[in-house]
Amino acid sequence: MPSLDTLDDRTAAAAFRTLVRHLQKRSDAENIDLMGLAGFCRNCLADWIVEADPSISKADARAIVHGMPPEEWKARFQKEATPDQIARMEASVAKNDALDEALDESFPASDPPAMTEPGR
């Protein structure tokens, strides 16, 4: 059975692009709510792009993910966060600490060379 570690880069990239396009179309799914439910948001995806390729600036990565400059996204779609949204986000982000440690311990050893060595 295929796993995340055996998924080829072309398939993974296509799935990532579909996810980003989905989030671009779903402006009603606010970052604060994504953070509260899943512990990541559009900005996190942009940060992961920068981690994967430090030659891409944070601003450019956010524009890629948002489909426009992030300032424009905020002006058009972002509402003021409620205290409940902030509390859910903080609780969700706290769960990420253990996940981040587990990911740090497994990467890159658990990933095939094609995912950790560009061009392979």
PDB file of N, CA and C in Angstrom:
ATOM      1  N   MET A   1       0.849  -1.178   0.000  1.00  0.00           N
ATOM      2  CA  MET A   1       0.000   0.000   0.000  1.00  0.00           C
ATOM      3  C   MET A   1       0.895   1.243   0.000  1.00  0.00           C
ATOM      4  N   PRO A   2       0.618   2.203  -0.870  1.00  0.00           N
ATOM      5  CA  PRO A   2       1.415   3.438  -0.881  1.00  0.00           C
ATOM      6  C   PRO A   2       1.295   4.181   0.451  1.00  0.00           C
ATOM      7  N   SER A   3       2.320   4.940   0.759  1.00  0.00           N
ATOM      8  CA  SER A   3       2.302   5.764   1.968  1.00  0.00           C
ATOM      9  C   SER A   3       2.806   7.159   1.601  1.00  0.00           C
ATOM     10  N   LEU A   4       2.710   8.064   2.523  1.00  0.00           N
ATOM     11  CA  LEU A   4       3.197   9.416   2.285  1.00  0.00           C
ATOM     12  C   LEU A   4       4.674   9.397   1.888  1.00  0.00           C
ATOM     13  N   ASP A   5       5.438   8.514   2.516  1.00  0.00           N
ATOM     14  CA  ASP A   5       6.870   8.455   2.237  1.00  0.00           C
ATOM     15  C   ASP A   5       7.196   7.847   0.880  1.00  0.00           C
ATOM     16  N   THR A   6       6.265   7.103   0.288  1.00  0.00           N
ATOM     17  CA  THR A   6       6.530   6.504  -1.030  1.00  0.00           C
ATOM     18  C   THR A   6       5.803   7.232  -2.153  1.00  0.00           C
ATOM     19  N   LEU A   7       4.987   8.215  -1.815  1.00  0.00           N
ATOM     20  CA  LEU A   7       4.275   9.009  -2.813  1.00  0.00           C
ATOM     21  C   LEU A   7       5.296   9.796  -3.628  1.00  0.00           C
ATOM     22  N   ASP A   8       5.195   9.715  -4.954  1.00  0.00           N
ATOM     23  CA  ASP A   8       6.193  10.422  -5.758  1.00  0.00           C
ATOM     24  C   ASP A   8       5.967  11.936  -5.698  1.00  0.00           C
ATOM     25  N   ASP A   9       7.023  12.683  -5.936  1.00  0.00           N
ATOM     26  CA  ASP A   9       6.987  14.141  -5.806  1.00  0.00           C
ATOM     27  C   ASP A   9       5.983  14.792  -6.743  1.00  0.00           C
ATOM     28  N   ARG A  10       5.832  14.260  -7.939  1.00  0.00           N
ATOM     29  CA  ARG A  10       4.894  14.847  -8.906  1.00  0.00           C
ATOM     30  C   ARG A  10       3.462  14.768  -8.377  1.00  0.00           C
ATOM     31  N   THR A  11       3.090  13.633  -7.815  1.00  0.00           N
ATOM     32  CA  THR A  11       1.758  13.452  -7.246  1.00  0.00           C
ATOM     33  C   THR A  11       1.580  14.341  -6.029  1.00  0.00           C
ATOM     34  N   ALA A  12       2.581  14.383  -5.175  1.00  0.00           N
ATOM     35  CA  ALA A  12       2.511  15.217  -3.973  1.00  0.00           C
ATOM     36  C   ALA A  12       2.384  16.693  -4.350  1.00  0.00           C
ATOM     37  N   ALA A  13       3.131  17.113  -5.347  1.00  0.00           N
ATOM     38  CA  ALA A  13       3.070  18.511  -5.785  1.00  0.00           C
ATOM     39  C   ALA A  13       1.701  18.846  -6.358  1.00  0.00           C
ATOM     40  N   ALA A  14       1.128  17.935  -7.127  1.00  0.00           N
ATOM     41  CA  ALA A  14      -0.210  18.162  -7.689  1.00  0.00           C
ATOM     42  C   ALA A  14      -1.244  18.280  -6.575  1.00  0.00           C
ATOM     43  N   ALA A  15      -1.136  17.430  -5.572  1.00  0.00           N
ATOM     44  CA  ALA A  15      -2.068  17.488  -4.440  1.00  0.00           C
ATOM     45  C   ALA A  15      -1.896  18.799  -3.672  1.00  0.00           C
ATOM     46  N   PHE A  16      -0.653  19.242  -3.480  1.00  0.00           N
ATOM     47  CA  PHE A  16      -0.395  20.507  -2.789  1.00  0.00           C
ATOM     48  C   PHE A  16      -1.005  21.671  -3.561  1.00  0.00           C
ATOM     49  N   ARG A  17      -0.816  21.685  -4.870  1.00  0.00           N
ATOM     50  CA  ARG A  17      -1.376  22.769  -5.684  1.00  0.00           C
ATOM     51  C   ARG A  17      -2.905  22.771  -5.618  1.00  0.00           C
ATOM     52  N   THR A  18      -3.505  21.596  -5.597  1.00  0.00           N
ATOM     53  CA  THR A  18      -4.959  21.508  -5.469  1.00  0.00           C
ATOM     54  C   THR A  18      -5.407  22.052  -4.121  1.00  0.00           C
ATOM     55  N   LEU A  19      -4.687  21.718  -3.069  1.00  0.00           N
ATOM     56  CA  LEU A  19      -5.011  22.248  -1.735  1.00  0.00           C
ATOM     57  C   LEU A  19      -4.923  23.767  -1.722  1.00  0.00           C
ATOM     58  N   VAL A  20      -3.859  24.315  -2.267  1.00  0.00           N
ATOM     59  CA  VAL A  20      -3.682  25.773  -2.276  1.00  0.00           C
ATOM     60  C   VAL A  20      -4.782  26.434  -3.102  1.00  0.00           C
ATOM     61  N   ARG A  21      -5.091  25.888  -4.268  1.00  0.00           N
ATOM     62  CA  ARG A  21      -6.168  26.468  -5.089  1.00  0.00           C
ATOM     63  C   ARG A  21      -7.513  26.394  -4.373  1.00  0.00           C
ATOM     64  N   HIS A  22      -7.745  25.311  -3.675  1.00  0.00           N
ATOM     65  CA  HIS A  22      -8.973  25.164  -2.892  1.00  0.00           C
ATOM     66  C   HIS A  22      -9.050  26.272  -1.834  1.00  0.00           C
ATOM     67  N   LEU A  23      -7.963  26.501  -1.127  1.00  0.00           N
ATOM     68  CA  LEU A  23      -7.944  27.543  -0.096  1.00  0.00           C
ATOM     69  C   LEU A  23      -8.063  28.941  -0.707  1.00  0.00           C
ATOM     70  N   GLN A  24      -7.527  29.133  -1.900  1.00  0.00           N
ATOM     71  CA  GLN A  24      -7.686  30.429  -2.569  1.00  0.00           C
ATOM     72  C   GLN A  24      -9.149  30.704  -2.887  1.00  0.00           C
ATOM     73  N   LYS A  25      -9.867  29.676  -3.275  1.00  0.00           N
ATOM     74  CA  LYS A  25     -11.285  29.838  -3.604  1.00  0.00           C
ATOM     75  C   LYS A  25     -12.166  29.935  -2.361  1.00  0.00           C
ATOM     76  N   ARG A  26     -11.718  29.368  -1.248  1.00  0.00           N
ATOM     77  CA  ARG A  26     -12.526  29.351  -0.040  1.00  0.00           C
ATOM     78  C   ARG A  26     -12.099  30.465   0.913  1.00  0.00           C
ATOM     79  N   SER A  27     -12.291  31.693   0.466  1.00  0.00           N
ATOM     80  CA  SER A  27     -11.931  32.843   1.299  1.00  0.00           C
ATOM     81  C   SER A  27     -12.771  32.893   2.570  1.00  0.00           C
ATOM     82  N   ASP A  28     -13.896  32.169   2.595  1.00  0.00           N
ATOM     83  CA  ASP A  28     -14.708  32.121   3.808  1.00  0.00           C
ATOM     84  C   ASP A  28     -14.059  31.281   4.904  1.00  0.00           C
ATOM     85  N   ALA A  29     -13.122  30.428   4.541  1.00  0.00           N
ATOM     86  CA  ALA A  29     -12.377  29.641   5.525  1.00  0.00           C
ATOM     87  C   ALA A  29     -11.210  30.505   6.006  1.00  0.00           C
ATOM     88  N   GLU A  30     -11.423  31.193   7.106  1.00  0.00           N
ATOM     89  CA  GLU A  30     -10.432  32.141   7.584  1.00  0.00           C
ATOM     90  C   GLU A  30      -9.237  31.429   8.221  1.00  0.00           C
ATOM     91  N   ASN A  31      -8.083  32.082   8.148  1.00  0.00           N
ATOM     92  CA  ASN A  31      -6.872  31.510   8.725  1.00  0.00           C
ATOM     93  C   ASN A  31      -7.046  31.187  10.199  1.00  0.00           C
ATOM     94  N   ILE A  32      -7.689  32.074  10.952  1.00  0.00           N
ATOM     95  CA  ILE A  32      -7.851  31.850  12.395  1.00  0.00           C
ATOM     96  C   ILE A  32      -8.667  30.582  12.643  1.00  0.00           C
ATOM     97  N   ASP A  33      -9.663  30.318  11.790  1.00  0.00           N
ATOM     98  CA  ASP A  33     -10.468  29.108  11.948  1.00  0.00           C
ATOM     99  C   ASP A  33      -9.684  27.866  11.530  1.00  0.00           C
ATOM    100  N   LEU A  34      -8.905  27.980  10.461  1.00  0.00           N
ATOM    101  CA  LEU A  34      -8.041  26.869  10.056  1.00  0.00           C
ATOM    102  C   LEU A  34      -7.060  26.532  11.182  1.00  0.00           C
ATOM    103  N   MET A  35      -6.481  27.562  11.780  1.00  0.00           N
ATOM    104  CA  MET A  35      -5.554  27.342  12.898  1.00  0.00           C
ATOM    105  C   MET A  35      -6.264  26.678  14.070  1.00  0.00           C
ATOM    106  N   GLY A  36      -7.488  27.119  14.353  1.00  0.00           N
ATOM    107  CA  GLY A  36      -8.237  26.567  15.472  1.00  0.00           C
ATOM    108  C   GLY A  36      -8.634  25.119  15.278  1.00  0.00           C
ATOM    109  N   LEU A  37      -8.865  24.733  14.039  1.00  0.00           N
ATOM    110  CA  LEU A  37      -9.287  23.357  13.751  1.00  0.00           C
ATOM    111  C   LEU A  37      -8.120  22.426  13.452  1.00  0.00           C
ATOM    112  N   ALA A  38      -7.177  22.900  12.644  1.00  0.00           N
ATOM    113  CA  ALA A  38      -6.132  22.009  12.143  1.00  0.00           C
ATOM    114  C   ALA A  38      -4.725  22.366  12.600  1.00  0.00           C
ATOM    115  N   GLY A  39      -4.564  23.538  13.200  1.00  0.00           N
ATOM    116  CA  GLY A  39      -3.239  23.927  13.660  1.00  0.00           C
ATOM    117  C   GLY A  39      -2.329  24.453  12.567  1.00  0.00           C
ATOM    118  N   PHE A  40      -2.897  24.734  11.397  1.00  0.00           N
ATOM    119  CA  PHE A  40      -2.124  25.365  10.326  1.00  0.00           C
ATOM    120  C   PHE A  40      -3.076  26.209   9.488  1.00  0.00           C
ATOM    121  N   CYS A  41      -2.487  27.128   8.720  1.00  0.00           N
ATOM    122  CA  CYS A  41      -3.293  28.010   7.875  1.00  0.00           C
ATOM    123  C   CYS A  41      -2.516  28.324   6.597  1.00  0.00           C
ATOM    124  N   ARG A  42      -3.027  29.256   5.839  1.00  0.00           N
ATOM    125  CA  ARG A  42      -2.361  29.653   4.595  1.00  0.00           C
ATOM    126  C   ARG A  42      -0.943  30.155   4.869  1.00  0.00           C
ATOM    127  N   ASN A  43      -0.794  30.932   5.932  1.00  0.00           N
ATOM    128  CA  ASN A  43       0.533  31.467   6.257  1.00  0.00           C
ATOM    129  C   ASN A  43       1.502  30.344   6.613  1.00  0.00           C
ATOM    130  N   CYS A  44       1.003  29.305   7.267  1.00  0.00           N
ATOM    131  CA  CYS A  44       1.856  28.154   7.573  1.00  0.00           C
ATOM    132  C   CYS A  44       2.320  27.478   6.284  1.00  0.00           C
ATOM    133  N   LEU A  45       1.396  27.306   5.341  1.00  0.00           N
ATOM    134  CA  LEU A  45       1.788  26.717   4.056  1.00  0.00           C
ATOM    135  C   LEU A  45       2.888  27.549   3.396  1.00  0.00           C
ATOM    136  N   ALA A  46       2.735  28.870   3.464  1.00  0.00           N
ATOM    137  CA  ALA A  46       3.755  29.753   2.892  1.00  0.00           C
ATOM    138  C   ALA A  46       5.085  29.579   3.628  1.00  0.00           C
ATOM    139  N   ASP A  47       5.028  29.468   4.943  1.00  0.00           N
ATOM    140  CA  ASP A  47       6.259  29.252   5.719  1.00  0.00           C
ATOM    141  C   ASP A  47       6.922  27.939   5.319  1.00  0.00           C
ATOM    142  N   TRP A  48       6.124  26.912   5.063  1.00  0.00           N
ATOM    143  CA  TRP A  48       6.678  25.621   4.660  1.00  0.00           C
ATOM    144  C   TRP A  48       7.319  25.703   3.281  1.00  0.00           C
ATOM    145  N   ILE A  49       6.770  26.548   2.412  1.00  0.00           N
ATOM    146  CA  ILE A  49       7.399  26.775   1.105  1.00  0.00           C
ATOM    147  C   ILE A  49       8.772  27.390   1.305  1.00  0.00           C
ATOM    148  N   VAL A  50       8.866  28.377   2.173  1.00  0.00           N
ATOM    149  CA  VAL A  50      10.153  29.037   2.443  1.00  0.00           C
ATOM    150  C   VAL A  50      11.132  28.050   3.065  1.00  0.00           C
ATOM    151  N   GLU A  51      10.663  27.200   3.971  1.00  0.00           N
ATOM    152  CA  GLU A  51      11.545  26.191   4.564  1.00  0.00           C
ATOM    153  C   GLU A  51      12.075  25.240   3.495  1.00  0.00           C
ATOM    154  N   ALA A  52      11.221  24.906   2.528  1.00  0.00           N
ATOM    155  CA  ALA A  52      11.637  23.995   1.461  1.00  0.00           C
ATOM    156  C   ALA A  52      12.580  24.668   0.468  1.00  0.00           C
ATOM    157  N   ASP A  53      12.411  25.984   0.291  1.00  0.00           N
ATOM    158  CA  ASP A  53      13.245  26.734  -0.649  1.00  0.00           C
ATOM    159  C   ASP A  53      13.491  28.133  -0.098  1.00  0.00           C
ATOM    160  N   PRO A  54      14.548  28.299   0.701  1.00  0.00           N
ATOM    161  CA  PRO A  54      14.832  29.598   1.323  1.00  0.00           C
ATOM    162  C   PRO A  54      15.078  30.737   0.340  1.00  0.00           C
ATOM    163  N   SER A  55      15.251  30.437  -0.952  1.00  0.00           N
ATOM    164  CA  SER A  55      15.442  31.518  -1.925  1.00  0.00           C
ATOM    165  C   SER A  55      14.128  32.251  -2.200  1.00  0.00           C
ATOM    166  N   ILE A  56      13.001  31.669  -1.786  1.00  0.00           N
ATOM    167  CA  ILE A  56      11.699  32.316  -1.940  1.00  0.00           C
ATOM    168  C   ILE A  56      11.436  33.139  -0.692  1.00  0.00           C
ATOM    169  N   SER A  57      11.115  34.408  -0.875  1.00  0.00           N
ATOM    170  CA  SER A  57      10.855  35.265   0.282  1.00  0.00           C
ATOM    171  C   SER A  57       9.525  34.899   0.930  1.00  0.00           C
ATOM    172  N   LYS A  58       9.398  35.259   2.193  1.00  0.00           N
ATOM    173  CA  LYS A  58       8.156  35.013   2.921  1.00  0.00           C
ATOM    174  C   LYS A  58       6.986  35.720   2.238  1.00  0.00           C
ATOM    175  N   ALA A  59       7.196  36.961   1.814  1.00  0.00           N
ATOM    176  CA  ALA A  59       6.135  37.719   1.142  1.00  0.00           C
ATOM    177  C   ALA A  59       5.721  37.043  -0.163  1.00  0.00           C
ATOM    178  N   ASP A  60       6.708  36.579  -0.938  1.00  0.00           N
ATOM    179  CA  ASP A  60       6.394  35.907  -2.197  1.00  0.00           C
ATOM    180  C   ASP A  60       5.659  34.589  -1.941  1.00  0.00           C
ATOM    181  N   ALA A  61       6.097  33.846  -0.937  1.00  0.00           N
ATOM    182  CA  ALA A  61       5.441  32.578  -0.615  1.00  0.00           C
ATOM    183  C   ALA A  61       3.990  32.815  -0.192  1.00  0.00           C
ATOM    184  N   ARG A  62       3.758  33.847   0.594  1.00  0.00           N
ATOM    185  CA  ARG A  62       2.384  34.151   1.006  1.00  0.00           C
ATOM    186  C   ARG A  62       1.535  34.585  -0.181  1.00  0.00           C
ATOM    187  N   ALA A  63       2.110  35.322  -1.093  1.00  0.00           N
ATOM    188  CA  ALA A  63       1.373  35.719  -2.295  1.00  0.00           C
ATOM    189  C   ALA A  63       1.036  34.493  -3.145  1.00  0.00           C
ATOM    190  N   ILE A  64       1.946  33.542  -3.220  1.00  0.00           N
ATOM    191  CA  ILE A  64       1.689  32.301  -3.945  1.00  0.00           C
ATOM    192  C   ILE A  64       0.486  31.586  -3.340  1.00  0.00           C
ATOM    193  N   VAL A  65       0.490  31.432  -2.024  1.00  0.00           N
ATOM    194  CA  VAL A  65      -0.568  30.679  -1.355  1.00  0.00           C
ATOM    195  C   VAL A  65      -1.894  31.430  -1.370  1.00  0.00           C
ATOM    196  N   HIS A  66      -1.850  32.738  -1.133  1.00  0.00           N
ATOM    197  CA  HIS A  66      -3.092  33.518  -1.103  1.00  0.00           C
ATOM    198  C   HIS A  66      -3.633  33.821  -2.504  1.00  0.00           C
ATOM    199  N   GLY A  67      -2.770  33.728  -3.503  1.00  0.00           N
ATOM    200  CA  GLY A  67      -3.188  34.062  -4.861  1.00  0.00           C
ATOM    201  C   GLY A  67      -3.208  35.558  -5.108  1.00  0.00           C
ATOM    202  N   MET A  68      -2.639  36.305  -4.194  1.00  0.00           N
ATOM    203  CA  MET A  68      -2.570  37.771  -4.264  1.00  0.00           C
ATOM    204  C   MET A  68      -1.665  38.217  -3.122  1.00  0.00           C
ATOM    205  N   PRO A  69      -1.251  39.480  -3.119  1.00  0.00           N
ATOM    206  CA  PRO A  69      -0.449  39.947  -1.987  1.00  0.00           C
ATOM    207  C   PRO A  69      -1.232  39.755  -0.678  1.00  0.00           C
ATOM    208  N   PRO A  70      -0.560  39.315   0.378  1.00  0.00           N
ATOM    209  CA  PRO A  70      -1.271  39.038   1.628  1.00  0.00           C
ATOM    210  C   PRO A  70      -2.011  40.247   2.200  1.00  0.00           C
ATOM    211  N   GLU A  71      -1.491  41.445   1.952  1.00  0.00           N
ATOM    212  CA  GLU A  71      -2.174  42.645   2.436  1.00  0.00           C
ATOM    213  C   GLU A  71      -3.539  42.794   1.755  1.00  0.00           C
ATOM    214  N   GLU A  72      -3.579  42.474   0.461  1.00  0.00           N
ATOM    215  CA  GLU A  72      -4.843  42.531  -0.269  1.00  0.00           C
ATOM    216  C   GLU A  72      -5.811  41.479   0.257  1.00  0.00           C
ATOM    217  N   TRP A  73      -5.308  40.262   0.503  1.00  0.00           N
ATOM    218  CA  TRP A  73      -6.149  39.191   1.066  1.00  0.00           C
ATOM    219  C   TRP A  73      -6.773  39.650   2.387  1.00  0.00           C
ATOM    220  N   LYS A  74      -5.927  40.189   3.259  1.00  0.00           N
ATOM    221  CA  LYS A  74      -6.428  40.643   4.561  1.00  0.00           C
ATOM    222  C   LYS A  74      -7.507  41.704   4.400  1.00  0.00           C
ATOM    223  N   ALA A  75      -7.266  42.670   3.530  1.00  0.00           N
ATOM    224  CA  ALA A  75      -8.231  43.757   3.338  1.00  0.00           C
ATOM    225  C   ALA A  75      -9.551  43.240   2.769  1.00  0.00           C
ATOM    226  N   ARG A  76      -9.483  42.266   1.881  1.00  0.00           N
ATOM    227  CA  ARG A  76     -10.698  41.767   1.230  1.00  0.00           C
ATOM    228  C   ARG A  76     -11.453  40.733   2.058  1.00  0.00           C
ATOM    229  N   PHE A  77     -10.736  39.883   2.785  1.00  0.00           N
ATOM    230  CA  PHE A  77     -11.389  38.718   3.365  1.00  0.00           C
ATOM    231  C   PHE A  77     -11.253  38.543   4.884  1.00  0.00           C
ATOM    232  N   GLN A  78     -10.225  39.089   5.485  1.00  0.00           N
ATOM    233  CA  GLN A  78      -9.981  38.798   6.893  1.00  0.00           C
ATOM    234  C   GLN A  78     -10.808  39.703   7.807  1.00  0.00           C
ATOM    235  N   LYS A  79     -11.538  39.065   8.714  1.00  0.00           N
ATOM    236  CA  LYS A  79     -12.332  39.796   9.699  1.00  0.00           C
ATOM    237  C   LYS A  79     -11.589  39.810  11.020  1.00  0.00           C
ATOM    238  N   GLU A  80     -12.023  40.668  11.917  1.00  0.00           N
ATOM    239  CA  GLU A  80     -11.444  40.712  13.265  1.00  0.00           C
ATOM    240  C   GLU A  80     -11.719  39.386  13.975  1.00  0.00           C
ATOM    241  N   ALA A  81     -10.691  38.815  14.577  1.00  0.00           N
ATOM    242  CA  ALA A  81     -10.847  37.542  15.283  1.00  0.00           C
ATOM    243  C   ALA A  81     -11.623  37.757  16.577  1.00  0.00           C
ATOM    244  N   THR A  82     -12.494  36.806  16.874  1.00  0.00           N
ATOM    245  CA  THR A  82     -13.245  36.862  18.129  1.00  0.00           C
ATOM    246  C   THR A  82     -12.425  36.215  19.241  1.00  0.00           C
ATOM    247  N   PRO A  83     -12.753  36.497  20.485  1.00  0.00           N
ATOM    248  CA  PRO A  83     -12.051  35.832  21.595  1.00  0.00           C
ATOM    249  C   PRO A  83     -12.153  34.300  21.514  1.00  0.00           C
ATOM    250  N   ASP A  84     -13.304  33.776  21.085  1.00  0.00           N
ATOM    251  CA  ASP A  84     -13.448  32.324  20.949  1.00  0.00           C
ATOM    252  C   ASP A  84     -12.516  31.770  19.870  1.00  0.00           C
ATOM    253  N   GLN A  85     -12.401  32.467  18.747  1.00  0.00           N
ATOM    254  CA  GLN A  85     -11.499  32.020  17.678  1.00  0.00           C
ATOM    255  C   GLN A  85     -10.056  32.015  18.172  1.00  0.00           C
ATOM    256  N   ILE A  86      -9.678  33.042  18.892  1.00  0.00           N
ATOM    257  CA  ILE A  86      -8.312  33.126  19.413  1.00  0.00           C
ATOM    258  C   ILE A  86      -8.047  32.002  20.404  1.00  0.00           C
ATOM    259  N   ALA A  87      -9.005  31.720  21.270  1.00  0.00           N
ATOM    260  CA  ALA A  87      -8.830  30.648  22.257  1.00  0.00           C
ATOM    261  C   ALA A  87      -8.689  29.290  21.568  1.00  0.00           C
ATOM    262  N   ARG A  88      -9.529  29.020  20.553  1.00  0.00           N
ATOM    263  CA  ARG A  88      -9.428  27.756  19.803  1.00  0.00           C
ATOM    264  C   ARG A  88      -8.082  27.657  19.098  1.00  0.00           C
ATOM    265  N   MET A  89      -7.628  28.767  18.513  1.00  0.00           N
ATOM    266  CA  MET A  89      -6.345  28.757  17.828  1.00  0.00           C
ATOM    267  C   MET A  89      -5.212  28.468  18.809  1.00  0.00           C
ATOM    268  N   GLU A  90      -5.219  29.118  19.960  1.00  0.00           N
ATOM    269  CA  GLU A  90      -4.159  28.913  20.940  1.00  0.00           C
ATOM    270  C   GLU A  90      -4.130  27.472  21.430  1.00  0.00           C
ATOM    271  N   ALA A  91      -5.311  26.880  21.681  1.00  0.00           N
ATOM    272  CA  ALA A  91      -5.368  25.485  22.119  1.00  0.00           C
ATOM    273  C   ALA A  91      -4.866  24.552  21.022  1.00  0.00           C
ATOM    274  N   SER A  92      -5.218  24.840  19.789  1.00  0.00           N
ATOM    275  CA  SER A  92      -4.797  24.017  18.668  1.00  0.00           C
ATOM    276  C   SER A  92      -3.292  24.121  18.437  1.00  0.00           C
ATOM    277  N   VAL A  93      -2.774  25.331  18.495  1.00  0.00           N
ATOM    278  CA  VAL A  93      -1.340  25.538  18.282  1.00  0.00           C
ATOM    279  C   VAL A  93      -0.534  24.837  19.373  1.00  0.00           C
ATOM    280  N   ALA A  94      -1.070  24.795  20.587  1.00  0.00           N
ATOM    281  CA  ALA A  94      -0.370  24.109  21.674  1.00  0.00           C
ATOM    282  C   ALA A  94      -0.182  22.627  21.346  1.00  0.00           C
ATOM    283  N   LYS A  95      -1.140  22.039  20.635  1.00  0.00           N
ATOM    284  CA  LYS A  95      -1.016  20.636  20.230  1.00  0.00           C
ATOM    285  C   LYS A  95       0.103  20.449  19.214  1.00  0.00           C
ATOM    286  N   ASN A  96       0.454  21.501  18.496  1.00  0.00           N
ATOM    287  CA  ASN A  96       1.496  21.409  17.476  1.00  0.00           C
ATOM    288  C   ASN A  96       2.877  21.198  18.068  1.00  0.00           C
ATOM    289  N   ASP A  97       3.104  21.608  19.315  1.00  0.00           N
ATOM    290  CA  ASP A  97       4.430  21.474  19.900  1.00  0.00           C
ATOM    291  C   ASP A  97       4.909  20.023  19.876  1.00  0.00           C
ATOM    292  N   ALA A  98       4.059  19.092  20.316  1.00  0.00           N
ATOM    293  CA  ALA A  98       4.441  17.683  20.304  1.00  0.00           C
ATOM    294  C   ALA A  98       4.602  17.181  18.876  1.00  0.00           C
ATOM    295  N   LEU A  99       3.716  17.624  17.987  1.00  0.00           N
ATOM    296  CA  LEU A  99       3.808  17.227  16.584  1.00  0.00           C
ATOM    297  C   LEU A  99       5.100  17.739  15.964  1.00  0.00           C
ATOM    298  N   ASP A 100       5.440  19.006  16.242  1.00  0.00           N
ATOM    299  CA  ASP A 100       6.663  19.581  15.686  1.00  0.00           C
ATOM    300  C   ASP A 100       7.890  18.802  16.142  1.00  0.00           C
ATOM    301  N   GLU A 101       7.914  18.395  17.408  1.00  0.00           N
ATOM    302  CA  GLU A 101       9.044  17.612  17.913  1.00  0.00           C
ATOM    303  C   GLU A 101       9.133  16.272  17.192  1.00  0.00           C
ATOM    304  N   ALA A 102       7.995  15.620  17.012  1.00  0.00           N
ATOM    305  CA  ALA A 102       7.983  14.324  16.319  1.00  0.00           C
ATOM    306  C   ALA A 102       8.442  14.477  14.874  1.00  0.00           C
ATOM    307  N   LEU A 103       7.987  15.538  14.204  1.00  0.00           N
ATOM    308  CA  LEU A 103       8.409  15.763  12.825  1.00  0.00           C
ATOM    309  C   LEU A 103       9.900  16.065  12.751  1.00  0.00           C
ATOM    310  N   ASP A 104      10.393  16.878  13.687  1.00  0.00           N
ATOM    311  CA  ASP A 104      11.821  17.196  13.694  1.00  0.00           C
ATOM    312  C   ASP A 104      12.665  15.939  13.873  1.00  0.00           C
ATOM    313  N   GLU A 105      12.191  15.025  14.712  1.00  0.00           N
ATOM    314  CA  GLU A 105      12.936  13.795  14.960  1.00  0.00           C
ATOM    315  C   GLU A 105      12.921  12.869  13.761  1.00  0.00           C
ATOM    316  N   SER A 106      11.851  12.898  12.963  1.00  0.00           N
ATOM    317  CA  SER A 106      11.741  11.958  11.845  1.00  0.00           C
ATOM    318  C   SER A 106      12.297  12.514  10.545  1.00  0.00           C
ATOM    319  N   PHE A 107      12.422  13.815  10.407  1.00  0.00           N
ATOM    320  CA  PHE A 107      12.849  14.410   9.144  1.00  0.00           C
ATOM    321  C   PHE A 107      14.340  14.661   9.173  1.00  0.00           C
ATOM    322  N   PRO A 108      15.088  14.387   8.167  1.00  0.00           N
ATOM    323  CA  PRO A 108      14.672  13.824   6.888  1.00  0.00           C
ATOM    324  C   PRO A 108      14.780  12.311   6.820  1.00  0.00           C
ATOM    325  N   ALA A 109      15.149  11.662   7.921  1.00  0.00           N
ATOM    326  CA  ALA A 109      15.424  10.224   7.858  1.00  0.00           C
ATOM    327  C   ALA A 109      14.259   9.407   7.311  1.00  0.00           C
ATOM    328  N   SER A 110      13.019   9.812   7.601  1.00  0.00           N
ATOM    329  CA  SER A 110      11.883   9.012   7.159  1.00  0.00           C
ATOM    330  C   SER A 110      11.449   9.321   5.736  1.00  0.00           C
ATOM    331  N   ASP A 111      11.997  10.368   5.151  1.00  0.00           N
ATOM    332  CA  ASP A 111      11.582  10.758   3.814  1.00  0.00           C
ATOM    333  C   ASP A 111      12.545  10.203   2.776  1.00  0.00           C
ATOM    334  N   PRO A 112      12.005   9.790   1.637  1.00  0.00           N
ATOM    335  CA  PRO A 112      12.886   9.294   0.581  1.00  0.00           C
ATOM    336  C   PRO A 112      13.767  10.420   0.049  1.00  0.00           C
ATOM    337  N   PRO A 113      14.912  10.087  -0.530  1.00  0.00           N
ATOM    338  CA  PRO A 113      15.832  11.114  -1.026  1.00  0.00           C
ATOM    339  C   PRO A 113      15.182  12.114  -1.963  1.00  0.00           C
ATOM    340  N   ALA A 114      14.200  11.695  -2.740  1.00  0.00           N
ATOM    341  CA  ALA A 114      13.566  12.621  -3.687  1.00  0.00           C
ATOM    342  C   ALA A 114      12.861  13.760  -2.967  1.00  0.00           C
ATOM    343  N   MET A 115      12.472  13.548  -1.722  1.00  0.00           N
ATOM    344  CA  MET A 115      11.791  14.604  -0.989  1.00  0.00           C
ATOM    345  C   MET A 115      12.774  15.484  -0.224  1.00  0.00           C
ATOM    346  N   THR A 116      13.954  14.998   0.048  1.00  0.00           N
ATOM    347  CA  THR A 116      14.906  15.763   0.837  1.00  0.00           C
ATOM    348  C   THR A 116      16.063  16.311   0.035  1.00  0.00           C
ATOM    349  N   GLU A 117      16.276  15.791  -1.155  1.00  0.00           N
ATOM    350  CA  GLU A 117      17.377  16.250  -1.992  1.00  0.00           C
ATOM    351  C   GLU A 117      16.828  16.736  -3.320  1.00  0.00           C
ATOM    352  N   PRO A 118      16.749  18.063  -3.490  1.00  0.00           N
ATOM    353  CA  PRO A 118      16.214  18.612  -4.742  1.00  0.00           C
ATOM    354  C   PRO A 118      16.933  18.026  -5.952  1.00  0.00           C
ATOM    355  N   GLY A 119      16.162  17.803  -6.988  1.00  0.00           N
ATOM    356  CA  GLY A 119      16.735  17.304  -8.229  1.00  0.00           C
ATOM    357  C   GLY A 119      16.851  15.808  -8.324  1.00  0.00           C
ATOM    358  N   ARG A 120      16.514  15.105  -7.255  1.00  0.00           N
ATOM    359  CA  ARG A 120      16.597  13.640  -7.299  1.00  0.00           C
ATOM    360  C   ARG A 120      15.259  13.042  -7.528  1.00  0.00           C
TER     361      ARG A 120
END
